[in-house]
Amino acid sequence: MKIYITSGTQDYLQKIVDENEGQTLILLQDIDEQTMLLHETNNETIFNEGREYEVLDQTGELTSTGYAVLNNIPVTDEGRPLFEYRFKNRARMVEDEPGFVAIRVLRPLNSDTYIILTLWQSEKDFLSWQTSKAYDHAHKKRGTAEGVDQQPIFPRPSYATKYNIVELK
């Protein structure tokens, strides 16, 4: 399974959606009204340009409503095995949180930045997860000698991007 991501105006991306009925597509828009389109498929992408990711781990179905958080994590070539091992062996507690919809752990195929994509029913559900005991448990090694964040595998800081999912017309 792969996920492809492209950017553009909402009208342009909506046109791609309209021309590709039956594809798994999610239209995302941030608070600055920047839009991007995700395409999940076992086949080739329908995009002319975009970023390509292999799905390493997944739970849930991608939906066309709700809230999406993309944790963008740059990882060195040498650090990929450790990073992927940690995510394949994660606590898996987020799946039981109220409002959780789906997760995709995405390996970049043409960059160094992994994406941990989570979908939520609402922003409120995501914020509740961040203050939950399950979140604390999933991140309990952060900042310790055992934490992956203390390994020299990150060439620059990670960052999160947050989007509302635009209901497809």
N, C-alpha and C. Protein backbone atom coordinates (compact mmCIF):
# COMPACT_ATOMS: atom_id res chain seq x y z
N MET A 1 0.85 -1.18 0.00
CA MET A 1 0.00 0.00 0.00
C MET A 1 0.89 1.23 0.00
N LYS A 2 0.47 2.25 -0.75
CA LYS A 2 1.20 3.51 -0.80
C LYS A 2 0.23 4.67 -0.60
N ILE A 3 0.80 5.77 -0.15
CA ILE A 3 0.08 7.04 -0.08
C ILE A 3 0.89 8.06 -0.87
N TYR A 4 0.19 8.80 -1.69
CA TYR A 4 0.77 9.88 -2.47
C TYR A 4 0.14 11.18 -2.00
N ILE A 5 0.93 12.24 -1.95
CA ILE A 5 0.44 13.54 -1.48
C ILE A 5 0.82 14.60 -2.50
N THR A 6 -0.16 15.41 -2.86
CA THR A 6 0.10 16.54 -3.75
C THR A 6 -0.59 17.77 -3.19
N SER A 7 -0.14 18.94 -3.63
CA SER A 7 -0.70 20.21 -3.17
C SER A 7 -1.27 20.98 -4.34
N GLY A 8 -2.11 21.95 -4.02
CA GLY A 8 -2.70 22.80 -5.04
C GLY A 8 -3.85 23.59 -4.47
N THR A 9 -4.54 24.32 -5.33
CA THR A 9 -5.71 25.05 -4.87
C THR A 9 -6.84 24.05 -4.60
N GLN A 10 -7.77 24.45 -3.77
CA GLN A 10 -8.88 23.56 -3.47
C GLN A 10 -9.67 23.23 -4.73
N ASP A 11 -9.87 24.21 -5.59
CA ASP A 11 -10.62 23.96 -6.83
C ASP A 11 -9.90 22.95 -7.72
N TYR A 12 -8.58 23.10 -7.86
CA TYR A 12 -7.80 22.18 -8.69
C TYR A 12 -7.84 20.76 -8.11
N LEU A 13 -7.66 20.65 -6.81
CA LEU A 13 -7.65 19.33 -6.17
C LEU A 13 -9.05 18.70 -6.21
N GLN A 14 -10.08 19.51 -6.06
CA GLN A 14 -11.45 19.00 -6.17
C GLN A 14 -11.70 18.44 -7.57
N LYS A 15 -11.13 19.07 -8.59
CA LYS A 15 -11.27 18.59 -9.97
C LYS A 15 -10.65 17.19 -10.10
N ILE A 16 -9.49 16.99 -9.46
CA ILE A 16 -8.85 15.66 -9.47
C ILE A 16 -9.77 14.64 -8.81
N VAL A 17 -10.37 15.02 -7.69
CA VAL A 17 -11.30 14.14 -6.98
C VAL A 17 -12.48 13.80 -7.90
N ASP A 18 -13.06 14.81 -8.52
CA ASP A 18 -14.22 14.60 -9.39
C ASP A 18 -13.92 13.66 -10.55
N GLU A 19 -12.69 13.72 -11.06
CA GLU A 19 -12.31 12.91 -12.21
C GLU A 19 -11.87 11.49 -11.83
N ASN A 20 -11.82 11.19 -10.54
CA ASN A 20 -11.29 9.89 -10.09
C ASN A 20 -12.20 9.25 -9.05
N GLU A 21 -13.45 9.14 -9.37
CA GLU A 21 -14.42 8.50 -8.49
C GLU A 21 -13.98 7.06 -8.21
N GLY A 22 -14.16 6.62 -7.00
CA GLY A 22 -13.80 5.26 -6.63
C GLY A 22 -12.40 5.13 -6.05
N GLN A 23 -11.61 6.20 -6.11
CA GLN A 23 -10.27 6.19 -5.51
C GLN A 23 -10.37 6.61 -4.05
N THR A 24 -9.43 6.18 -3.22
CA THR A 24 -9.36 6.62 -1.83
C THR A 24 -8.60 7.94 -1.80
N LEU A 25 -9.34 9.03 -1.69
CA LEU A 25 -8.78 10.38 -1.71
C LEU A 25 -9.27 11.16 -0.50
N ILE A 26 -8.37 11.93 0.09
CA ILE A 26 -8.74 12.78 1.22
C ILE A 26 -8.20 14.18 0.95
N LEU A 27 -9.08 15.15 0.98
CA LEU A 27 -8.73 16.54 0.75
C LEU A 27 -8.54 17.22 2.10
N LEU A 28 -7.37 17.82 2.31
CA LEU A 28 -7.03 18.44 3.59
C LEU A 28 -6.81 19.93 3.41
N GLN A 29 -7.22 20.71 4.43
CA GLN A 29 -7.01 22.15 4.41
C GLN A 29 -6.59 22.63 5.79
N ASP A 30 -5.50 23.42 5.84
CA ASP A 30 -5.04 23.94 7.13
C ASP A 30 -5.69 25.29 7.43
N ILE A 31 -5.31 25.90 8.55
CA ILE A 31 -5.95 27.15 8.96
C ILE A 31 -5.63 28.30 8.00
N ASP A 32 -4.53 28.19 7.24
CA ASP A 32 -4.18 29.20 6.25
C ASP A 32 -4.80 28.91 4.89
N GLU A 33 -5.70 27.93 4.86
CA GLU A 33 -6.41 27.49 3.66
C GLU A 33 -5.48 26.89 2.60
N GLN A 34 -4.31 26.40 3.04
CA GLN A 34 -3.45 25.62 2.15
C GLN A 34 -4.08 24.23 2.03
N THR A 35 -4.15 23.71 0.82
CA THR A 35 -4.80 22.41 0.63
C THR A 35 -3.84 21.40 0.03
N MET A 36 -4.08 20.15 0.38
CA MET A 36 -3.35 19.04 -0.22
C MET A 36 -4.29 17.85 -0.32
N LEU A 37 -3.93 16.94 -1.20
CA LEU A 37 -4.76 15.78 -1.47
C LEU A 37 -3.94 14.53 -1.24
N LEU A 38 -4.50 13.58 -0.47
CA LEU A 38 -3.86 12.28 -0.23
C LEU A 38 -4.55 11.23 -1.08
N HIS A 39 -3.76 10.35 -1.65
CA HIS A 39 -4.28 9.24 -2.46
C HIS A 39 -3.68 7.96 -1.91
N GLU A 40 -4.52 7.08 -1.37
CA GLU A 40 -4.07 5.79 -0.86
C GLU A 40 -4.44 4.72 -1.88
N THR A 41 -3.45 3.89 -2.29
CA THR A 41 -3.71 2.91 -3.34
C THR A 41 -2.67 1.79 -3.33
N ASN A 42 -3.04 0.67 -3.91
CA ASN A 42 -2.09 -0.40 -4.18
C ASN A 42 -1.53 -0.29 -5.59
N ASN A 43 -2.04 0.68 -6.35
CA ASN A 43 -1.66 0.86 -7.75
C ASN A 43 -0.82 2.12 -7.90
N GLU A 44 -0.64 2.54 -9.14
CA GLU A 44 0.07 3.79 -9.41
C GLU A 44 -0.81 4.97 -9.00
N THR A 45 -0.17 6.09 -8.74
CA THR A 45 -0.92 7.28 -8.36
C THR A 45 -1.60 7.91 -9.57
N ILE A 46 -2.63 8.67 -9.27
CA ILE A 46 -3.32 9.45 -10.30
C ILE A 46 -2.71 10.84 -10.44
N PHE A 47 -1.77 11.21 -9.55
CA PHE A 47 -1.17 12.54 -9.55
C PHE A 47 -0.06 12.64 -10.58
N ASN A 48 0.09 13.84 -11.15
CA ASN A 48 1.21 14.10 -12.05
C ASN A 48 2.49 14.37 -11.26
N GLU A 49 2.33 14.99 -10.09
CA GLU A 49 3.46 15.30 -9.22
C GLU A 49 3.03 15.03 -7.79
N GLY A 50 4.02 14.81 -6.94
CA GLY A 50 3.69 14.63 -5.53
C GLY A 50 4.73 13.81 -4.81
N ARG A 51 4.50 13.67 -3.54
CA ARG A 51 5.39 12.89 -2.68
C ARG A 51 4.85 11.47 -2.57
N GLU A 52 5.76 10.51 -2.48
CA GLU A 52 5.38 9.10 -2.46
C GLU A 52 5.84 8.46 -1.15
N TYR A 53 4.92 7.69 -0.53
CA TYR A 53 5.21 7.03 0.74
C TYR A 53 4.73 5.59 0.70
N GLU A 54 5.48 4.73 1.36
CA GLU A 54 5.05 3.35 1.55
C GLU A 54 4.41 3.25 2.94
N VAL A 55 3.28 2.59 3.04
CA VAL A 55 2.60 2.43 4.32
C VAL A 55 3.27 1.29 5.07
N LEU A 56 3.92 1.61 6.21
CA LEU A 56 4.59 0.61 7.04
C LEU A 56 3.65 -0.04 8.03
N ASP A 57 2.69 0.73 8.51
CA ASP A 57 1.77 0.25 9.54
C ASP A 57 0.47 1.02 9.36
N GLN A 58 -0.65 0.35 9.60
CA GLN A 58 -1.93 1.03 9.46
C GLN A 58 -2.99 0.38 10.31
N THR A 59 -3.91 1.22 10.73
CA THR A 59 -5.11 0.79 11.44
C THR A 59 -6.21 1.75 11.04
N GLY A 60 -7.40 1.24 10.84
CA GLY A 60 -8.55 2.07 10.52
C GLY A 60 -8.62 2.43 9.05
N GLU A 61 -9.75 3.03 8.70
CA GLU A 61 -10.01 3.43 7.31
C GLU A 61 -9.91 4.94 7.19
N LEU A 62 -9.33 5.40 6.09
CA LEU A 62 -9.28 6.83 5.83
C LEU A 62 -10.69 7.31 5.49
N THR A 63 -11.09 8.42 6.09
CA THR A 63 -12.45 8.93 5.91
C THR A 63 -12.42 10.33 5.33
N SER A 64 -13.54 10.77 4.81
CA SER A 64 -13.61 12.08 4.16
C SER A 64 -14.19 13.16 5.07
N THR A 65 -14.19 12.92 6.38
CA THR A 65 -14.58 13.96 7.34
C THR A 65 -13.68 13.84 8.55
N GLY A 66 -13.54 14.95 9.29
CA GLY A 66 -12.78 14.90 10.54
C GLY A 66 -11.57 15.81 10.54
N TYR A 67 -10.53 15.36 11.24
CA TYR A 67 -9.34 16.15 11.54
C TYR A 67 -8.12 15.27 11.34
N ALA A 68 -7.10 15.80 10.70
CA ALA A 68 -5.88 15.03 10.41
C ALA A 68 -4.66 15.72 11.01
N VAL A 69 -3.77 14.91 11.58
CA VAL A 69 -2.50 15.41 12.10
C VAL A 69 -1.39 14.62 11.42
N LEU A 70 -0.44 15.34 10.85
CA LEU A 70 0.71 14.72 10.20
C LEU A 70 1.95 15.11 10.98
N ASN A 71 2.56 14.13 11.66
CA ASN A 71 3.83 14.35 12.33
C ASN A 71 4.92 14.05 11.31
N ASN A 72 5.67 15.07 10.93
CA ASN A 72 6.70 14.99 9.91
C ASN A 72 8.04 14.83 10.63
N ILE A 73 8.71 13.68 10.42
CA ILE A 73 9.90 13.34 11.19
C ILE A 73 11.06 13.02 10.25
N PRO A 74 12.02 13.94 10.09
CA PRO A 74 13.19 13.65 9.28
C PRO A 74 14.08 12.62 9.99
N VAL A 75 14.55 11.62 9.23
CA VAL A 75 15.38 10.55 9.79
C VAL A 75 16.55 10.30 8.85
N THR A 76 17.76 10.13 9.41
CA THR A 76 18.93 9.84 8.59
C THR A 76 18.81 8.44 7.98
N ASP A 77 19.55 8.19 6.92
CA ASP A 77 19.55 6.85 6.30
C ASP A 77 19.95 5.79 7.32
N GLU A 78 20.95 6.10 8.14
CA GLU A 78 21.42 5.14 9.14
C GLU A 78 20.38 4.89 10.23
N GLY A 79 19.53 5.87 10.48
CA GLY A 79 18.54 5.76 11.54
C GLY A 79 17.24 5.09 11.16
N ARG A 80 17.04 4.86 9.87
CA ARG A 80 15.76 4.29 9.42
C ARG A 80 15.42 2.96 10.09
N PRO A 81 16.35 1.99 10.16
CA PRO A 81 15.98 0.71 10.80
C PRO A 81 15.52 0.87 12.25
N LEU A 82 16.21 1.69 13.03
CA LEU A 82 15.82 1.90 14.43
C LEU A 82 14.47 2.60 14.51
N PHE A 83 14.29 3.64 13.72
CA PHE A 83 13.03 4.38 13.73
C PHE A 83 11.86 3.47 13.36
N GLU A 84 12.02 2.70 12.30
CA GLU A 84 10.95 1.81 11.85
C GLU A 84 10.68 0.71 12.87
N TYR A 85 11.72 0.19 13.49
CA TYR A 85 11.54 -0.84 14.52
C TYR A 85 10.70 -0.29 15.66
N ARG A 86 11.02 0.92 16.10
CA ARG A 86 10.28 1.52 17.21
C ARG A 86 8.80 1.71 16.86
N PHE A 87 8.52 2.14 15.64
CA PHE A 87 7.12 2.34 15.27
C PHE A 87 6.38 1.04 15.03
N LYS A 88 7.06 0.03 14.53
CA LYS A 88 6.40 -1.26 14.34
C LYS A 88 6.09 -1.92 15.68
N ASN A 89 6.81 -1.52 16.71
CA ASN A 89 6.62 -2.09 18.04
C ASN A 89 6.06 -1.06 19.02
N ARG A 90 5.28 -0.14 18.51
CA ARG A 90 4.69 0.92 19.34
C ARG A 90 3.62 0.35 20.28
N ALA A 91 3.21 1.13 21.24
CA ALA A 91 2.27 0.69 22.27
C ALA A 91 0.88 0.37 21.70
N ARG A 92 0.49 0.98 20.61
CA ARG A 92 -0.81 0.76 19.97
C ARG A 92 -1.99 1.11 20.88
N MET A 93 -1.82 2.13 21.67
CA MET A 93 -2.89 2.56 22.57
C MET A 93 -3.75 3.65 21.95
N VAL A 94 -3.23 4.37 20.97
CA VAL A 94 -3.98 5.44 20.34
C VAL A 94 -5.27 4.91 19.71
N GLU A 95 -5.24 3.69 19.22
CA GLU A 95 -6.40 3.10 18.56
C GLU A 95 -7.62 2.99 19.46
N ASP A 96 -7.41 2.96 20.76
CA ASP A 96 -8.52 2.83 21.71
C ASP A 96 -9.04 4.17 22.23
N GLU A 97 -8.46 5.25 21.76
CA GLU A 97 -8.86 6.57 22.25
C GLU A 97 -10.17 7.02 21.61
N PRO A 98 -11.04 7.69 22.39
CA PRO A 98 -12.28 8.21 21.83
C PRO A 98 -11.99 9.16 20.67
N GLY A 99 -12.70 9.00 19.58
CA GLY A 99 -12.55 9.87 18.42
C GLY A 99 -11.46 9.47 17.45
N PHE A 100 -10.67 8.44 17.81
CA PHE A 100 -9.63 7.98 16.88
C PHE A 100 -10.30 7.32 15.68
N VAL A 101 -9.77 7.60 14.48
CA VAL A 101 -10.31 7.03 13.25
C VAL A 101 -9.30 6.12 12.57
N ALA A 102 -8.06 6.62 12.35
CA ALA A 102 -7.08 5.83 11.60
C ALA A 102 -5.67 6.35 11.85
N ILE A 103 -4.69 5.48 11.59
CA ILE A 103 -3.28 5.85 11.64
C ILE A 103 -2.58 5.21 10.44
N ARG A 104 -1.61 5.94 9.89
CA ARG A 104 -0.73 5.43 8.86
C ARG A 104 0.68 5.86 9.22
N VAL A 105 1.60 4.91 9.28
CA VAL A 105 3.02 5.20 9.44
C VAL A 105 3.61 5.13 8.04
N LEU A 106 4.13 6.25 7.55
CA LEU A 106 4.53 6.38 6.16
C LEU A 106 6.04 6.53 5.99
N ARG A 107 6.63 5.61 5.22
CA ARG A 107 8.05 5.67 4.88
C ARG A 107 8.21 6.48 3.59
N PRO A 108 9.05 7.51 3.62
CA PRO A 108 9.24 8.32 2.41
C PRO A 108 10.03 7.54 1.36
N LEU A 109 9.63 7.69 0.10
CA LEU A 109 10.34 7.03 -0.98
C LEU A 109 11.18 8.01 -1.80
N ASN A 110 10.99 9.32 -1.57
CA ASN A 110 11.81 10.29 -2.29
C ASN A 110 12.22 11.48 -1.41
N SER A 111 12.34 11.23 -0.11
CA SER A 111 12.82 12.25 0.83
C SER A 111 13.28 11.52 2.10
N ASP A 112 13.65 12.29 3.13
CA ASP A 112 14.08 11.68 4.39
C ASP A 112 13.03 11.83 5.49
N THR A 113 11.85 12.37 5.16
CA THR A 113 10.87 12.70 6.19
C THR A 113 9.71 11.71 6.23
N TYR A 114 9.69 10.94 7.32
CA TYR A 114 8.57 10.03 7.58
C TYR A 114 7.36 10.86 8.00
N ILE A 115 6.18 10.30 7.81
CA ILE A 115 4.96 10.95 8.29
C ILE A 115 4.17 9.95 9.12
N ILE A 116 3.77 10.38 10.31
CA ILE A 116 2.83 9.61 11.12
C ILE A 116 1.50 10.36 10.99
N LEU A 117 0.61 9.77 10.22
CA LEU A 117 -0.69 10.38 9.92
C LEU A 117 -1.73 9.78 10.86
N THR A 118 -2.40 10.63 11.62
CA THR A 118 -3.54 10.17 12.42
C THR A 118 -4.77 10.96 12.01
N LEU A 119 -5.89 10.24 11.93
CA LEU A 119 -7.17 10.86 11.65
C LEU A 119 -8.05 10.75 12.88
N TRP A 120 -8.78 11.82 13.14
CA TRP A 120 -9.64 11.94 14.31
C TRP A 120 -11.01 12.43 13.88
N GLN A 121 -12.01 12.15 14.68
CA GLN A 121 -13.34 12.67 14.39
C GLN A 121 -13.36 14.19 14.50
N SER A 122 -12.54 14.73 15.43
CA SER A 122 -12.51 16.18 15.62
C SER A 122 -11.16 16.59 16.22
N GLU A 123 -10.89 17.89 16.14
CA GLU A 123 -9.68 18.44 16.78
C GLU A 123 -9.74 18.20 18.29
N LYS A 124 -10.91 18.32 18.86
CA LYS A 124 -11.08 18.10 20.30
C LYS A 124 -10.63 16.69 20.69
N ASP A 125 -10.97 15.70 19.87
CA ASP A 125 -10.55 14.32 20.15
C ASP A 125 -9.02 14.20 20.13
N PHE A 126 -8.37 14.84 19.16
CA PHE A 126 -6.91 14.81 19.10
C PHE A 126 -6.31 15.46 20.34
N LEU A 127 -6.83 16.62 20.74
CA LEU A 127 -6.30 17.32 21.91
C LEU A 127 -6.52 16.50 23.18
N SER A 128 -7.63 15.79 23.26
CA SER A 128 -7.88 14.92 24.42
C SER A 128 -6.85 13.79 24.46
N TRP A 129 -6.52 13.23 23.31
CA TRP A 129 -5.48 12.18 23.23
C TRP A 129 -4.16 12.70 23.79
N GLN A 130 -3.81 13.94 23.46
CA GLN A 130 -2.53 14.49 23.90
C GLN A 130 -2.44 14.67 25.41
N THR A 131 -3.56 14.71 26.08
CA THR A 131 -3.55 14.85 27.55
C THR A 131 -3.96 13.56 28.25
N SER A 132 -4.01 12.46 27.51
CA SER A 132 -4.47 11.19 28.07
C SER A 132 -3.34 10.38 28.69
N LYS A 133 -3.71 9.42 29.53
CA LYS A 133 -2.73 8.48 30.10
C LYS A 133 -2.13 7.61 29.01
N ALA A 134 -2.91 7.29 27.99
CA ALA A 134 -2.41 6.48 26.88
C ALA A 134 -1.30 7.22 26.14
N TYR A 135 -1.46 8.53 25.95
CA TYR A 135 -0.42 9.34 25.29
C TYR A 135 0.84 9.33 26.15
N ASP A 136 0.67 9.55 27.46
CA ASP A 136 1.82 9.52 28.36
C ASP A 136 2.54 8.18 28.29
N HIS A 137 1.78 7.09 28.24
CA HIS A 137 2.39 5.76 28.17
C HIS A 137 3.14 5.57 26.84
N ALA A 138 2.53 6.01 25.76
CA ALA A 138 3.15 5.84 24.44
C ALA A 138 4.44 6.65 24.31
N HIS A 139 4.56 7.72 25.08
CA HIS A 139 5.72 8.59 25.00
C HIS A 139 6.56 8.57 26.28
N LYS A 140 6.42 7.51 27.08
CA LYS A 140 7.08 7.50 28.39
C LYS A 140 8.60 7.49 28.32
N LYS A 141 9.17 7.02 27.21
CA LYS A 141 10.64 6.99 27.09
C LYS A 141 11.21 8.28 26.52
N ARG A 142 10.34 9.16 26.05
CA ARG A 142 10.80 10.43 25.47
C ARG A 142 11.63 11.19 26.49
N GLY A 143 12.79 11.66 26.04
CA GLY A 143 13.66 12.44 26.91
C GLY A 143 14.56 11.61 27.80
N THR A 144 14.43 10.27 27.75
CA THR A 144 15.29 9.39 28.54
C THR A 144 16.34 8.75 27.64
N ALA A 145 17.31 8.08 28.23
CA ALA A 145 18.36 7.41 27.46
C ALA A 145 17.78 6.34 26.53
N GLU A 146 16.63 5.76 26.89
CA GLU A 146 15.98 4.74 26.06
C GLU A 146 15.13 5.33 24.94
N GLY A 147 14.85 6.60 25.00
CA GLY A 147 13.96 7.23 24.02
C GLY A 147 14.61 7.37 22.66
N VAL A 148 13.84 7.09 21.63
CA VAL A 148 14.36 7.21 20.27
C VAL A 148 14.72 8.67 19.98
N ASP A 149 14.08 9.61 20.67
CA ASP A 149 14.37 11.03 20.46
C ASP A 149 15.78 11.40 20.92
N GLN A 150 16.43 10.55 21.69
CA GLN A 150 17.78 10.82 22.17
C GLN A 150 18.85 10.21 21.26
N GLN A 151 18.43 9.51 20.24
CA GLN A 151 19.36 8.88 19.29
C GLN A 151 19.79 9.92 18.24
N PRO A 152 21.02 9.81 17.73
CA PRO A 152 21.50 10.79 16.73
C PRO A 152 21.01 10.45 15.32
N ILE A 153 19.71 10.23 15.17
CA ILE A 153 19.19 9.81 13.87
C ILE A 153 18.32 10.88 13.21
N PHE A 154 18.20 12.02 13.86
CA PHE A 154 17.33 13.08 13.35
C PHE A 154 18.17 14.25 12.86
N PRO A 155 18.20 14.48 11.54
CA PRO A 155 19.04 15.56 11.01
C PRO A 155 18.52 16.97 11.30
N ARG A 156 17.24 17.08 11.63
CA ARG A 156 16.63 18.36 11.97
C ARG A 156 15.35 18.08 12.76
N PRO A 157 14.78 19.08 13.39
CA PRO A 157 13.60 18.85 14.24
C PRO A 157 12.38 18.37 13.45
N SER A 158 11.57 17.59 14.12
CA SER A 158 10.29 17.17 13.54
C SER A 158 9.28 18.31 13.73
N TYR A 159 8.17 18.20 13.02
CA TYR A 159 7.12 19.20 13.15
C TYR A 159 5.78 18.56 12.80
N ALA A 160 4.72 19.14 13.32
CA ALA A 160 3.38 18.63 13.05
C ALA A 160 2.62 19.63 12.19
N THR A 161 1.83 19.08 11.27
CA THR A 161 0.91 19.90 10.49
C THR A 161 -0.49 19.36 10.75
N LYS A 162 -1.44 20.27 10.85
CA LYS A 162 -2.81 19.89 11.23
C LYS A 162 -3.79 20.43 10.21
N TYR A 163 -4.78 19.58 9.88
CA TYR A 163 -5.70 19.90 8.81
C TYR A 163 -7.13 19.49 9.18
N ASN A 164 -8.06 20.24 8.65
CA ASN A 164 -9.44 19.78 8.62
C ASN A 164 -9.61 19.00 7.34
N ILE A 165 -10.35 17.94 7.41
CA ILE A 165 -10.65 17.15 6.22
C ILE A 165 -11.86 17.81 5.54
N VAL A 166 -11.67 18.15 4.27
CA VAL A 166 -12.73 18.82 3.51
C VAL A 166 -13.64 17.74 2.95
N GLU A 167 -14.90 17.85 3.28
CA GLU A 167 -15.86 16.87 2.78
C GLU A 167 -15.92 16.95 1.26
N LEU A 168 -15.73 15.82 0.61
CA LEU A 168 -15.71 15.79 -0.85
C LEU A 168 -17.10 16.01 -1.40
N LYS A 169 -17.15 16.75 -2.48
CA LYS A 169 -18.44 17.08 -3.12
C LYS A 169 -18.93 15.93 -3.96
